[in-house]
Structures are given as structure tokens and as C-alpha cells.
Amino acid sequence: IKIWNVQNGHCVRPLTDYPDSFNSLSFSPAGNLLASWSNGGCIKVWNVHSGACLRTFERLGSSVFSVSFSPDGQLLASGGWDYSIQLWNIQRYFFPCVRTLKGHTRRVVSVSFSPDGKLLASAAWDKSIKIWNVQ
């Protein structure tokens, strides 16, 4: 992952140098954090300014198609191949997964919070869109 200056086309900062492919990226609302999911098997939260990896979350047994920050920047949602959505508290170091949402019957390919952060929309290969109350 590299941060680029779109004005001059130069790389401002690499966030990672390992050769992995990435499925999903999401900026925090403040723009200082970037969440990534790679085929390497974990969700990482990066400090955009320093390039440091601040947190790593492992979704055991499942790849992820989509990650999304809540509007307050406290939660990170991930939609996975295991047909579920997990909500992560990015401030917690122990047991950061605060909730697992189940209801899809195929892989979850997109997750997105409502502007007020009370709802989460998910789309899956089961041809459904679900709206979840995440309060």
C-alpha cells in the first residue's frame, strides 16, 4: 500500500512493503487511519501519517471482502467469506471483536455504515442487502 500525492503523482509514503494483494481499504472519518484487508489473512489499521501499523485483527477461518469504518471512527466492520459480518472496536486490545452479525447465506461482499453510525448495510452473494441496527 502506498499513499500518493495526486497533485504531482509522487509516492508520499509506503504503508507496507510486503507483496500481498489487498481486497479492501477504508479510511477513518478523520482521515488519519487506513484499514486494509489482504490475502495474507488479517485486517490491519495503519497510521497514514507515520506509516506505522497500529493494529492487526485476525478473522480466523475467513477471508474478507470489505472493511468499513463507522462515522465516529471507533468501529470497523468486516464482511467475510464465512457469510458473517464482524464489528471490531479499534481501541480494544483484548477481545476486539465486539459483535458478529449472521443472516446471509452466501459471502458478504460489501459493508457500509449509515452517516449516523446507527445502521450498517451489507450485501452478499445470496442476492440480498441487509440493514443491521448496530447500536
C-alpha atoms as a PDB file:
ATOM      1  CA  ILE A   1       0.000   0.000   0.000  1.00  0.00           C
ATOM      2  CA  LYS A   2       1.331   3.421  -0.892  1.00  0.00           C
ATOM      3  CA  ILE A   3      -0.023   6.903  -0.235  1.00  0.00           C
ATOM      4  CA  TRP A   4       0.245   9.077  -3.346  1.00  0.00           C
ATOM      5  CA  ASN A   5       0.109  12.822  -3.882  1.00  0.00           C
ATOM      6  CA  VAL A   6      -2.497  13.173  -6.609  1.00  0.00           C
ATOM      7  CA  GLN A   7      -1.293  16.679  -7.493  1.00  0.00           C
ATOM      8  CA  ASN A   8       2.217  15.658  -8.533  1.00  0.00           C
ATOM      9  CA  GLY A   9       1.896  11.871  -8.873  1.00  0.00           C
ATOM     10  CA  HIS A  10       4.659  11.102  -6.359  1.00  0.00           C
ATOM     11  CA  CYS A  11       4.546   8.437  -3.671  1.00  0.00           C
ATOM     12  CA  VAL A  12       4.348  10.214  -0.318  1.00  0.00           C
ATOM     13  CA  ARG A  13       4.696   7.169   1.923  1.00  0.00           C
ATOM     14  CA  PRO A  14       4.577   3.416   1.626  1.00  0.00           C
ATOM     15  CA  LEU A  15       2.497   1.803   4.364  1.00  0.00           C
ATOM     16  CA  THR A  16       3.675  -1.697   3.655  1.00  0.00           C
ATOM     17  CA  ASP A  17       6.332  -3.346   1.623  1.00  0.00           C
ATOM     18  CA  TYR A  18       5.186  -6.940   1.763  1.00  0.00           C
ATOM     19  CA  PRO A  19       3.994  -8.429  -1.532  1.00  0.00           C
ATOM     20  CA  ASP A  20       0.361  -9.125  -0.777  1.00  0.00           C
ATOM     21  CA  SER A  21      -2.778  -8.385  -2.712  1.00  0.00           C
ATOM     22  CA  PHE A  22      -5.419  -6.289  -0.980  1.00  0.00           C
ATOM     23  CA  ASN A  23      -9.161  -6.823  -1.240  1.00  0.00           C
ATOM     24  CA  SER A  24     -10.500  -3.806   0.619  1.00  0.00           C
ATOM     25  CA  LEU A  25      -9.407  -0.446   2.028  1.00  0.00           C
ATOM     26  CA  SER A  26     -11.252   2.106   4.156  1.00  0.00           C
ATOM     27  CA  PHE A  27     -10.172   5.488   5.538  1.00  0.00           C
ATOM     28  CA  SER A  28     -11.306   6.505   9.007  1.00  0.00           C
ATOM     29  CA  PRO A  29     -13.593   9.577   9.049  1.00  0.00           C
ATOM     30  CA  ALA A  30     -10.721  11.748  10.338  1.00  0.00           C
ATOM     31  CA  GLY A  31      -8.518  10.506   7.507  1.00  0.00           C
ATOM     32  CA  ASN A  32      -5.618   9.603   9.786  1.00  0.00           C
ATOM     33  CA  LEU A  33      -6.178   5.826   9.721  1.00  0.00           C
ATOM     34  CA  LEU A  34      -6.484   3.337   6.891  1.00  0.00           C
ATOM     35  CA  ALA A  35      -7.864  -0.172   7.333  1.00  0.00           C
ATOM     36  CA  SER A  36      -6.792  -2.868   4.906  1.00  0.00           C
ATOM     37  CA  TRP A  37      -7.618  -6.498   4.311  1.00  0.00           C
ATOM     38  CA  SER A  38      -5.063  -8.584   2.498  1.00  0.00           C
ATOM     39  CA  ASN A  39      -4.956 -12.137   1.278  1.00  0.00           C
ATOM     40  CA  GLY A  40      -2.321 -12.606   3.982  1.00  0.00           C
ATOM     41  CA  GLY A  41      -5.156 -13.228   6.377  1.00  0.00           C
ATOM     42  CA  CYS A  42      -5.689 -10.202   8.605  1.00  0.00           C
ATOM     43  CA  ILE A  43      -7.158  -6.737   8.875  1.00  0.00           C
ATOM     44  CA  LYS A  44      -4.574  -4.061   9.569  1.00  0.00           C
ATOM     45  CA  VAL A  45      -5.092  -0.489  10.742  1.00  0.00           C
ATOM     46  CA  TRP A  46      -2.387   1.923   9.564  1.00  0.00           C
ATOM     47  CA  ASN A  47      -1.425   5.423  10.667  1.00  0.00           C
ATOM     48  CA  VAL A  48      -1.443   7.281   7.356  1.00  0.00           C
ATOM     49  CA  HIS A  49       0.971   9.976   8.552  1.00  0.00           C
ATOM     50  CA  SER A  50       3.661   7.789  10.109  1.00  0.00           C
ATOM     51  CA  GLY A  51       3.154   4.637   8.049  1.00  0.00           C
ATOM     52  CA  ALA A  52       3.024   2.512  11.230  1.00  0.00           C
ATOM     53  CA  CYS A  53       0.729  -0.488  11.543  1.00  0.00           C
ATOM     54  CA  LEU A  54      -1.233   0.249  14.732  1.00  0.00           C
ATOM     55  CA  ARG A  55      -3.492  -2.800  14.996  1.00  0.00           C
ATOM     56  CA  THR A  56      -3.940  -6.222  13.472  1.00  0.00           C
ATOM     57  CA  PHE A  57      -7.206  -8.140  13.656  1.00  0.00           C
ATOM     58  CA  GLU A  58      -7.431 -11.768  12.611  1.00  0.00           C
ATOM     59  CA  ARG A  59     -10.636 -13.194  11.217  1.00  0.00           C
ATOM     60  CA  LEU A  60      -9.947 -16.831  11.847  1.00  0.00           C
ATOM     61  CA  GLY A  61     -11.015 -19.167   9.086  1.00  0.00           C
ATOM     62  CA  SER A  62     -12.423 -16.500   6.803  1.00  0.00           C
ATOM     63  CA  SER A  63     -11.235 -14.120   4.152  1.00  0.00           C
ATOM     64  CA  VAL A  64     -12.711 -10.633   3.966  1.00  0.00           C
ATOM     65  CA  PHE A  65     -14.241  -8.842   1.006  1.00  0.00           C
ATOM     66  CA  SER A  66     -14.998  -5.484   2.594  1.00  0.00           C
ATOM     67  CA  VAL A  67     -13.993  -3.252   5.523  1.00  0.00           C
ATOM     68  CA  SER A  68     -15.638  -0.010   6.625  1.00  0.00           C
ATOM     69  CA  PHE A  69     -15.091   2.464   9.481  1.00  0.00           C
ATOM     70  CA  SER A  70     -18.030   3.762  11.494  1.00  0.00           C
ATOM     71  CA  PRO A  71     -18.581   7.541  11.309  1.00  0.00           C
ATOM     72  CA  ASP A  72     -17.109   8.047  14.804  1.00  0.00           C
ATOM     73  CA  GLY A  73     -14.026   6.009  13.826  1.00  0.00           C
ATOM     74  CA  GLN A  74     -14.399   3.646  16.801  1.00  0.00           C
ATOM     75  CA  LEU A  75     -15.736   0.575  14.999  1.00  0.00           C
ATOM     76  CA  LEU A  76     -14.552  -1.282  11.951  1.00  0.00           C
ATOM     77  CA  ALA A  77     -16.919  -3.646  10.137  1.00  0.00           C
ATOM     78  CA  SER A  78     -15.665  -6.555   8.059  1.00  0.00           C
ATOM     79  CA  GLY A  79     -17.728  -8.716   5.719  1.00  0.00           C
ATOM     80  CA  GLY A  80     -16.419 -12.186   5.053  1.00  0.00           C
ATOM     81  CA  TRP A  81     -16.475 -15.414   3.151  1.00  0.00           C
ATOM     82  CA  ASP A  82     -17.998 -17.142   6.184  1.00  0.00           C
ATOM     83  CA  TYR A  83     -21.306 -15.301   5.452  1.00  0.00           C
ATOM     84  CA  SER A  84     -20.920 -13.105   8.550  1.00  0.00           C
ATOM     85  CA  ILE A  85     -20.030  -9.542   9.493  1.00  0.00           C
ATOM     86  CA  GLN A  86     -17.761  -8.766  12.397  1.00  0.00           C
ATOM     87  CA  LEU A  87     -17.609  -5.463  14.260  1.00  0.00           C
ATOM     88  CA  TRP A  88     -14.225  -4.551  15.744  1.00  0.00           C
ATOM     89  CA  ASN A  89     -13.547  -1.942  18.413  1.00  0.00           C
ATOM     90  CA  ILE A  90     -10.252  -0.458  17.226  1.00  0.00           C
ATOM     91  CA  GLN A  91      -9.410   0.804  20.731  1.00  0.00           C
ATOM     92  CA  ARG A  92      -9.613  -2.629  22.387  1.00  0.00           C
ATOM     93  CA  TYR A  93      -6.522  -4.781  22.606  1.00  0.00           C
ATOM     94  CA  PHE A  94      -8.230  -7.759  24.235  1.00  0.00           C
ATOM     95  CA  PHE A  95     -11.269  -9.288  22.556  1.00  0.00           C
ATOM     96  CA  PRO A  96     -11.579  -6.525  19.940  1.00  0.00           C
ATOM     97  CA  CYS A  97     -14.407  -8.314  18.081  1.00  0.00           C
ATOM     98  CA  VAL A  98     -17.445  -6.881  19.839  1.00  0.00           C
ATOM     99  CA  ARG A  99     -20.175  -8.404  17.695  1.00  0.00           C
ATOM    100  CA  THR A 100     -20.765 -10.922  14.926  1.00  0.00           C
ATOM    101  CA  LEU A 101     -23.782 -10.460  12.669  1.00  0.00           C
ATOM    102  CA  LYS A 102     -25.178 -13.555  10.933  1.00  0.00           C
ATOM    103  CA  GLY A 103     -28.023 -13.786   8.466  1.00  0.00           C
ATOM    104  CA  HIS A 104     -26.575 -14.013   4.972  1.00  0.00           C
ATOM    105  CA  THR A 105     -26.416 -17.386   3.265  1.00  0.00           C
ATOM    106  CA  ARG A 106     -23.501 -16.568   0.946  1.00  0.00           C
ATOM    107  CA  ARG A 107     -20.304 -14.490   1.112  1.00  0.00           C
ATOM    108  CA  VAL A 108     -20.645 -10.902   2.348  1.00  0.00           C
ATOM    109  CA  VAL A 109     -19.041  -8.663  -0.275  1.00  0.00           C
ATOM    110  CA  SER A 110     -19.792  -5.143   0.949  1.00  0.00           C
ATOM    111  CA  VAL A 111     -20.387  -3.360   4.262  1.00  0.00           C
ATOM    112  CA  SER A 112     -21.132   0.320   4.869  1.00  0.00           C
ATOM    113  CA  PHE A 113     -22.237   2.361   7.887  1.00  0.00           C
ATOM    114  CA  SER A 114     -25.033   4.937   7.763  1.00  0.00           C
ATOM    115  CA  PRO A 115     -23.886   8.545   8.311  1.00  0.00           C
ATOM    116  CA  ASP A 116     -25.105   8.495  11.944  1.00  0.00           C
ATOM    117  CA  GLY A 117     -23.419   5.118  12.637  1.00  0.00           C
ATOM    118  CA  LYS A 118     -26.618   3.503  13.933  1.00  0.00           C
ATOM    119  CA  LEU A 119     -27.112   1.227  10.941  1.00  0.00           C
ATOM    120  CA  LEU A 120     -24.870  -0.997   8.869  1.00  0.00           C
ATOM    121  CA  ALA A 121     -25.756  -2.119   5.346  1.00  0.00           C
ATOM    122  CA  SER A 122     -24.383  -5.381   3.978  1.00  0.00           C
ATOM    123  CA  ALA A 123     -24.596  -7.025   0.571  1.00  0.00           C
ATOM    124  CA  ALA A 124     -23.871 -10.664  -0.165  1.00  0.00           C
ATOM    125  CA  TRP A 125     -23.691 -13.184  -2.957  1.00  0.00           C
ATOM    126  CA  ASP A 126     -27.050 -14.507  -1.755  1.00  0.00           C
ATOM    127  CA  LYS A 127     -28.531 -11.549  -3.720  1.00  0.00           C
ATOM    128  CA  SER A 128     -29.621  -9.775  -0.557  1.00  0.00           C
ATOM    129  CA  ILE A 129     -28.941  -6.466   1.133  1.00  0.00           C
ATOM    130  CA  LYS A 130     -29.467  -6.368   4.868  1.00  0.00           C
ATOM    131  CA  ILE A 131     -29.727  -3.374   7.185  1.00  0.00           C
ATOM    132  CA  TRP A 132     -28.483  -4.024  10.717  1.00  0.00           C
ATOM    133  CA  ASN A 133     -29.071  -1.971  13.855  1.00  0.00           C
ATOM    134  CA  VAL A 134     -25.577  -1.791  15.381  1.00  0.00           C
ATOM    135  CA  GLN A 135     -26.315   0.337  18.435  1.00  0.00           C
END
